[in-house]
């Protein structure tokens, strides 16, 4: 089963709409920023928080990137 097939099956099972391919790319970008800036656990949790807060994925990624920059030495 591919990731896309699994996501579609999960969405159907919970009676939700599966994300469009471009939304998946934006989710993966947010997850990458979170995972590479912290520990891997931050990736799924950041995506969950963004969804729960109703944030636009691009806005959520910008916020994640700002956190990353501010956490860097001299940031």
PDB file of N, CA and C in Angstrom:
ATOM      1  N   UNK A   1       0.856  -1.177   0.000  1.00  0.00           N
ATOM      2  CA  UNK A   1       0.000   0.000   0.000  1.00  0.00           C
ATOM      3  C   UNK A   1       0.900   1.237   0.000  1.00  0.00           C
ATOM      4  N   UNK A   2       0.618   2.157  -0.899  1.00  0.00           N
ATOM      5  CA  UNK A   2       1.398   3.397  -0.945  1.00  0.00           C
ATOM      6  C   UNK A   2       0.944   4.347   0.156  1.00  0.00           C
ATOM      7  N   UNK A   3       1.733   5.364   0.389  1.00  0.00           N
ATOM      8  CA  UNK A   3       1.353   6.377   1.376  1.00  0.00           C
ATOM      9  C   UNK A   3       0.041   7.046   0.981  1.00  0.00           C
ATOM     10  N   UNK A   4      -0.089   7.346  -0.292  1.00  0.00           N
ATOM     11  CA  UNK A   4      -1.315   7.995  -0.767  1.00  0.00           C
ATOM     12  C   UNK A   4      -2.532   7.109  -0.556  1.00  0.00           C
ATOM     13  N   UNK A   5      -2.382   5.812  -0.809  1.00  0.00           N
ATOM     14  CA  UNK A   5      -3.484   4.873  -0.594  1.00  0.00           C
ATOM     15  C   UNK A   5      -3.831   4.774   0.887  1.00  0.00           C
ATOM     16  N   UNK A   6      -2.801   4.734   1.731  1.00  0.00           N
ATOM     17  CA  UNK A   6      -3.045   4.637   3.169  1.00  0.00           C
ATOM     18  C   UNK A   6      -3.745   5.885   3.676  1.00  0.00           C
ATOM     19  N   UNK A   7      -3.281   7.047   3.248  1.00  0.00           N
ATOM     20  CA  UNK A   7      -3.894   8.316   3.664  1.00  0.00           C
ATOM     21  C   UNK A   7      -5.352   8.365   3.227  1.00  0.00           C
ATOM     22  N   UNK A   8      -5.625   7.956   1.998  1.00  0.00           N
ATOM     23  CA  UNK A   8      -7.004   7.941   1.500  1.00  0.00           C
ATOM     24  C   UNK A   8      -7.869   6.988   2.318  1.00  0.00           C
ATOM     25  N   UNK A   9      -7.342   5.807   2.626  1.00  0.00           N
ATOM     26  CA  UNK A   9      -8.103   4.838   3.427  1.00  0.00           C
ATOM     27  C   UNK A   9      -8.356   5.359   4.828  1.00  0.00           C
ATOM     28  N   UNK A  10      -7.353   5.989   5.416  1.00  0.00           N
ATOM     29  CA  UNK A  10      -7.520   6.546   6.768  1.00  0.00           C
ATOM     30  C   UNK A  10      -8.568   7.658   6.750  1.00  0.00           C
ATOM     31  N   UNK A  11      -8.472   8.549   5.771  1.00  0.00           N
ATOM     32  CA  UNK A  11      -9.444   9.642   5.669  1.00  0.00           C
ATOM     33  C   UNK A  11     -10.858   9.100   5.512  1.00  0.00           C
ATOM     34  N   UNK A  12     -11.016   8.105   4.674  1.00  0.00           N
ATOM     35  CA  UNK A  12     -12.328   7.489   4.487  1.00  0.00           C
ATOM     36  C   UNK A  12     -12.819   6.873   5.793  1.00  0.00           C
ATOM     37  N   UNK A  13     -11.930   6.213   6.494  1.00  0.00           N
ATOM     38  CA  UNK A  13     -12.300   5.537   7.746  1.00  0.00           C
ATOM     39  C   UNK A  13     -12.772   6.507   8.825  1.00  0.00           C
ATOM     40  N   UNK A  14     -12.214   7.709   8.821  1.00  0.00           N
ATOM     41  CA  UNK A  14     -12.606   8.685   9.844  1.00  0.00           C
ATOM     42  C   UNK A  14     -13.579   9.724   9.286  1.00  0.00           C
ATOM     43  N   UNK A  15     -14.071   9.439   8.070  1.00  0.00           N
ATOM     44  CA  UNK A  15     -15.052  10.298   7.408  1.00  0.00           C
ATOM     45  C   UNK A  15     -14.551  11.732   7.256  1.00  0.00           C
ATOM     46  N   UNK A  16     -13.319  11.831   6.755  1.00  0.00           N
ATOM     47  CA  UNK A  16     -12.709  13.132   6.499  1.00  0.00           C
ATOM     48  C   UNK A  16     -12.211  13.151   5.057  1.00  0.00           C
ATOM     49  N   UNK A  17     -11.920  14.331   4.586  1.00  0.00           N
ATOM     50  CA  UNK A  17     -11.385  14.484   3.244  1.00  0.00           C
ATOM     51  C   UNK A  17      -9.870  14.338   3.303  1.00  0.00           C
ATOM     52  N   UNK A  18      -9.320  13.543   2.429  1.00  0.00           N
ATOM     53  CA  UNK A  18      -7.864  13.393   2.359  1.00  0.00           C
ATOM     54  C   UNK A  18      -7.255  14.678   1.813  1.00  0.00           C
ATOM     55  N   UNK A  19      -6.058  15.008   2.258  1.00  0.00           N
ATOM     56  CA  UNK A  19      -5.424  16.216   1.735  1.00  0.00           C
ATOM     57  C   UNK A  19      -5.044  16.055   0.263  1.00  0.00           C
ATOM     58  N   UNK A  20      -5.115  17.160  -0.446  1.00  0.00           N
ATOM     59  CA  UNK A  20      -4.694  17.176  -1.841  1.00  0.00           C
ATOM     60  C   UNK A  20      -3.178  17.040  -1.902  1.00  0.00           C
ATOM     61  N   UNK A  21      -2.635  16.620  -3.032  1.00  0.00           N
ATOM     62  CA  UNK A  21      -1.182  16.453  -3.140  1.00  0.00           C
ATOM     63  C   UNK A  21      -0.382  17.694  -2.729  1.00  0.00           C
ATOM     64  N   UNK A  22      -0.859  18.880  -3.093  1.00  0.00           N
ATOM     65  CA  UNK A  22      -0.135  20.099  -2.707  1.00  0.00           C
ATOM     66  C   UNK A  22      -0.213  20.339  -1.199  1.00  0.00           C
ATOM     67  N   UNK A  23      -1.307  19.936  -0.565  1.00  0.00           N
ATOM     68  CA  UNK A  23      -1.400  20.041   0.893  1.00  0.00           C
ATOM     69  C   UNK A  23      -0.438  19.065   1.567  1.00  0.00           C
ATOM     70  N   UNK A  24      -0.302  17.894   0.997  1.00  0.00           N
ATOM     71  CA  UNK A  24       0.643  16.919   1.544  1.00  0.00           C
ATOM     72  C   UNK A  24       2.057  17.483   1.476  1.00  0.00           C
ATOM     73  N   UNK A  25       2.413  18.103   0.376  1.00  0.00           N
ATOM     74  CA  UNK A  25       3.745  18.708   0.247  1.00  0.00           C
ATOM     75  C   UNK A  25       3.957  19.782   1.311  1.00  0.00           C
ATOM     76  N   UNK A  26       2.936  20.603   1.557  1.00  0.00           N
ATOM     77  CA  UNK A  26       3.051  21.661   2.569  1.00  0.00           C
ATOM     78  C   UNK A  26       3.134  21.069   3.968  1.00  0.00           C
ATOM     79  N   UNK A  27       2.400  19.997   4.226  1.00  0.00           N
ATOM     80  CA  UNK A  27       2.509  19.305   5.515  1.00  0.00           C
ATOM     81  C   UNK A  27       3.911  18.745   5.715  1.00  0.00           C
ATOM     82  N   UNK A  28       4.450  18.145   4.657  1.00  0.00           N
ATOM     83  CA  UNK A  28       5.794  17.574   4.744  1.00  0.00           C
ATOM     84  C   UNK A  28       6.849  18.651   4.961  1.00  0.00           C
ATOM     85  N   UNK A  29       6.637  19.822   4.392  1.00  0.00           N
ATOM     86  CA  UNK A  29       7.576  20.930   4.611  1.00  0.00           C
ATOM     87  C   UNK A  29       7.553  21.358   6.074  1.00  0.00           C
ATOM     88  N   UNK A  30       6.358  21.518   6.647  1.00  0.00           N
ATOM     89  CA  UNK A  30       6.240  21.850   8.063  1.00  0.00           C
ATOM     90  C   UNK A  30       6.889  20.769   8.914  1.00  0.00           C
ATOM     91  N   UNK A  31       6.607  19.530   8.607  1.00  0.00           N
ATOM     92  CA  UNK A  31       7.173  18.418   9.367  1.00  0.00           C
ATOM     93  C   UNK A  31       8.698  18.421   9.283  1.00  0.00           C
ATOM     94  N   UNK A  32       9.235  18.728   8.112  1.00  0.00           N
ATOM     95  CA  UNK A  32      10.689  18.750   7.940  1.00  0.00           C
ATOM     96  C   UNK A  32      11.329  19.838   8.790  1.00  0.00           C
ATOM     97  N   UNK A  33      10.731  21.022   8.796  1.00  0.00           N
ATOM     98  CA  UNK A  33      11.274  22.110   9.615  1.00  0.00           C
ATOM     99  C   UNK A  33      11.274  21.697  11.082  1.00  0.00           C
ATOM    100  N   UNK A  34      10.166  21.159  11.539  1.00  0.00           N
ATOM    101  CA  UNK A  34      10.064  20.753  12.945  1.00  0.00           C
ATOM    102  C   UNK A  34      11.060  19.655  13.288  1.00  0.00           C
ATOM    103  N   UNK A  35      11.150  18.640  12.446  1.00  0.00           N
ATOM    104  CA  UNK A  35      12.021  17.500  12.737  1.00  0.00           C
ATOM    105  C   UNK A  35      13.495  17.873  12.680  1.00  0.00           C
ATOM    106  N   UNK A  36      13.868  18.721  11.744  1.00  0.00           N
ATOM    107  CA  UNK A  36      15.278  19.070  11.592  1.00  0.00           C
ATOM    108  C   UNK A  36      15.709  20.144  12.574  1.00  0.00           C
ATOM    109  N   UNK A  37      14.751  20.838  13.186  1.00  0.00           N
ATOM    110  CA  UNK A  37      15.078  21.886  14.141  1.00  0.00           C
ATOM    111  C   UNK A  37      15.069  21.387  15.577  1.00  0.00           C
ATOM    112  N   UNK A  38      14.537  20.203  15.779  1.00  0.00           N
ATOM    113  CA  UNK A  38      14.369  19.666  17.115  1.00  0.00           C
ATOM    114  C   UNK A  38      14.580  18.163  17.052  1.00  0.00           C
ATOM    115  N   UNK A  39      13.661  17.436  17.660  1.00  0.00           N
ATOM    116  CA  UNK A  39      13.667  15.978  17.590  1.00  0.00           C
ATOM    117  C   UNK A  39      12.560  15.545  16.636  1.00  0.00           C
ATOM    118  N   UNK A  40      12.666  14.318  16.136  1.00  0.00           N
ATOM    119  CA  UNK A  40      11.688  13.831  15.160  1.00  0.00           C
ATOM    120  C   UNK A  40      10.258  13.909  15.668  1.00  0.00           C
ATOM    121  N   UNK A  41      10.061  13.749  16.960  1.00  0.00           N
ATOM    122  CA  UNK A  41       8.704  13.786  17.518  1.00  0.00           C
ATOM    123  C   UNK A  41       8.013  15.117  17.244  1.00  0.00           C
ATOM    124  N   UNK A  42       8.788  16.170  17.049  1.00  0.00           N
ATOM    125  CA  UNK A  42       8.206  17.492  16.809  1.00  0.00           C
ATOM    126  C   UNK A  42       7.427  17.542  15.495  1.00  0.00           C
ATOM    127  N   UNK A  43       7.789  16.722  14.524  1.00  0.00           N
ATOM    128  CA  UNK A  43       7.145  16.773  13.206  1.00  0.00           C
ATOM    129  C   UNK A  43       5.650  16.455  13.250  1.00  0.00           C
ATOM    130  N   UNK A  44       5.251  15.280  13.728  1.00  0.00           N
ATOM    131  CA  UNK A  44       3.812  15.001  13.730  1.00  0.00           C
ATOM    132  C   UNK A  44       3.042  15.881  14.708  1.00  0.00           C
ATOM    133  N   UNK A  45       3.690  16.223  15.808  1.00  0.00           N
ATOM    134  CA  UNK A  45       2.999  17.055  16.798  1.00  0.00           C
ATOM    135  C   UNK A  45       2.790  18.469  16.253  1.00  0.00           C
ATOM    136  N   UNK A  46       3.773  19.014  15.541  1.00  0.00           N
ATOM    137  CA  UNK A  46       3.612  20.339  14.940  1.00  0.00           C
ATOM    138  C   UNK A  46       2.472  20.334  13.925  1.00  0.00           C
ATOM    139  N   UNK A  47       2.386  19.283  13.128  1.00  0.00           N
ATOM    140  CA  UNK A  47       1.297  19.180  12.150  1.00  0.00           C
ATOM    141  C   UNK A  47      -0.052  19.080  12.846  1.00  0.00           C
ATOM    142  N   UNK A  48      -0.112  18.330  13.930  1.00  0.00           N
ATOM    143  CA  UNK A  48      -1.352  18.196  14.690  1.00  0.00           C
ATOM    144  C   UNK A  48      -1.759  19.540  15.281  1.00  0.00           C
ATOM    145  N   UNK A  49      -0.787  20.259  15.867  1.00  0.00           N
ATOM    146  CA  UNK A  49      -1.082  21.574  16.452  1.00  0.00           C
ATOM    147  C   UNK A  49      -1.570  22.538  15.381  1.00  0.00           C
ATOM    148  N   UNK A  50      -0.916  22.546  14.228  1.00  0.00           N
ATOM    149  CA  UNK A  50      -1.330  23.441  13.147  1.00  0.00           C
ATOM    150  C   UNK A  50      -2.765  23.146  12.723  1.00  0.00           C
ATOM    151  N   UNK A  51      -3.083  21.874  12.584  1.00  0.00           N
ATOM    152  CA  UNK A  51      -4.450  21.504  12.219  1.00  0.00           C
ATOM    153  C   UNK A  51      -5.450  21.869  13.292  1.00  0.00           C
ATOM    154  N   UNK A  52      -5.098  21.594  14.510  1.00  0.00           N
ATOM    155  CA  UNK A  52      -5.990  21.889  15.635  1.00  0.00           C
ATOM    156  C   UNK A  52      -6.251  23.382  15.760  1.00  0.00           C
ATOM    157  N   UNK A  53      -5.199  24.184  15.457  1.00  0.00           N
ATOM    158  CA  UNK A  53      -5.328  25.642  15.538  1.00  0.00           C
ATOM    159  C   UNK A  53      -5.975  26.239  14.291  1.00  0.00           C
ATOM    160  N   UNK A  54      -6.167  25.410  13.264  1.00  0.00           N
ATOM    161  CA  UNK A  54      -6.769  25.906  12.025  1.00  0.00           C
ATOM    162  C   UNK A  54      -5.829  26.801  11.234  1.00  0.00           C
ATOM    163  N   UNK A  55      -4.518  26.618  11.411  1.00  0.00           N
ATOM    164  CA  UNK A  55      -3.548  27.444  10.713  1.00  0.00           C
ATOM    165  C   UNK A  55      -3.407  27.026   9.253  1.00  0.00           C
ATOM    166  N   UNK A  56      -3.196  27.989   8.405  1.00  0.00           N
ATOM    167  CA  UNK A  56      -2.798  27.728   7.037  1.00  0.00           C
ATOM    168  C   UNK A  56      -1.420  27.080   7.105  1.00  0.00           C
ATOM    169  N   UNK A  57      -1.165  26.082   6.278  1.00  0.00           N
ATOM    170  CA  UNK A  57       0.096  25.347   6.359  1.00  0.00           C
ATOM    171  C   UNK A  57       1.307  26.220   6.051  1.00  0.00           C
ATOM    172  N   UNK A  58       1.176  27.153   5.135  1.00  0.00           N
ATOM    173  CA  UNK A  58       2.291  28.050   4.841  1.00  0.00           C
ATOM    174  C   UNK A  58       2.593  28.938   6.051  1.00  0.00           C
ATOM    175  N   UNK A  59       1.537  29.420   6.702  1.00  0.00           N
ATOM    176  CA  UNK A  59       1.709  30.245   7.904  1.00  0.00           C
ATOM    177  C   UNK A  59       2.355  29.420   9.020  1.00  0.00           C
ATOM    178  N   UNK A  60       1.911  28.199   9.184  1.00  0.00           N
ATOM    179  CA  UNK A  60       2.484  27.334  10.215  1.00  0.00           C
ATOM    180  C   UNK A  60       3.970  27.090   9.956  1.00  0.00           C
ATOM    181  N   UNK A  61       4.337  26.890   8.702  1.00  0.00           N
ATOM    182  CA  UNK A  61       5.741  26.672   8.359  1.00  0.00           C
ATOM    183  C   UNK A  61       6.559  27.927   8.624  1.00  0.00           C
ATOM    184  N   UNK A  62       6.021  29.086   8.303  1.00  0.00           N
ATOM    185  CA  UNK A  62       6.720  30.347   8.587  1.00  0.00           C
ATOM    186  C   UNK A  62       6.976  30.490  10.086  1.00  0.00           C
ATOM    187  N   UNK A  63       5.985  30.186  10.890  1.00  0.00           N
ATOM    188  CA  UNK A  63       6.138  30.262  12.346  1.00  0.00           C
ATOM    189  C   UNK A  63       7.207  29.286  12.803  1.00  0.00           C
ATOM    190  N   UNK A  64       7.177  28.063  12.269  1.00  0.00           N
ATOM    191  CA  UNK A  64       8.173  27.054  12.632  1.00  0.00           C
ATOM    192  C   UNK A  64       9.579  27.525  12.259  1.00  0.00           C
ATOM    193  N   UNK A  65       9.706  28.130  11.086  1.00  0.00           N
ATOM    194  CA  UNK A  65      11.010  28.629  10.653  1.00  0.00           C
ATOM    195  C   UNK A  65      11.484  29.772  11.544  1.00  0.00           C
ATOM    196  N   UNK A  66      10.565  30.646  11.974  1.00  0.00           N
ATOM    197  CA  UNK A  66      10.921  31.742  12.877  1.00  0.00           C
ATOM    198  C   UNK A  66      11.427  31.191  14.216  1.00  0.00           C
ATOM    199  N   UNK A  67      10.773  30.150  14.712  1.00  0.00           N
ATOM    200  CA  UNK A  67      11.205  29.520  15.967  1.00  0.00           C
ATOM    201  C   UNK A  67      12.614  28.954  15.794  1.00  0.00           C
ATOM    202  N   UNK A  68      12.860  28.315  14.664  1.00  0.00           N
ATOM    203  CA  UNK A  68      14.160  27.734  14.385  1.00  0.00           C
ATOM    204  C   UNK A  68      15.249  28.805  14.380  1.00  0.00           C
ATOM    205  N   UNK A  69      14.988  29.904  13.688  1.00  0.00           N
ATOM    206  CA  UNK A  69      15.975  30.984  13.606  1.00  0.00           C
ATOM    207  C   UNK A  69      16.216  31.596  14.980  1.00  0.00           C
ATOM    208  N   UNK A  70      15.161  31.824  15.743  1.00  0.00           N
ATOM    209  CA  UNK A  70      15.335  32.443  17.063  1.00  0.00           C
ATOM    210  C   UNK A  70      16.049  31.530  18.042  1.00  0.00           C
ATOM    211  N   UNK A  71      16.013  30.222  17.802  1.00  0.00           N
ATOM    212  CA  UNK A  71      16.678  29.273  18.697  1.00  0.00           C
ATOM    213  C   UNK A  71      18.155  29.101  18.360  1.00  0.00           C
ATOM    214  N   UNK A  72      18.569  29.575  17.184  1.00  0.00           N
ATOM    215  CA  UNK A  72      19.966  29.464  16.780  1.00  0.00           C
ATOM    216  C   UNK A  72      20.815  30.456  17.571  1.00  0.00           C
ATOM    217  N   UNK A  73      22.059  30.118  17.819  1.00  0.00           N
ATOM    218  CA  UNK A  73      22.952  31.059  18.496  1.00  0.00           C
ATOM    219  C   UNK A  73      22.992  32.389  17.742  1.00  0.00           C
ATOM    220  N   UNK A  74      22.747  33.457  18.448  1.00  0.00           N
ATOM    221  CA  UNK A  74      22.719  34.772  17.829  1.00  0.00           C
ATOM    222  C   UNK A  74      21.391  35.122  17.194  1.00  0.00           C
ATOM    223  N   UNK A  75      20.420  34.179  17.280  1.00  0.00           N
ATOM    224  CA  UNK A  75      19.108  34.387  16.663  1.00  0.00           C
ATOM    225  C   UNK A  75      18.194  35.074  17.562  1.00  0.00           C
TER     226      UNK A  75
END
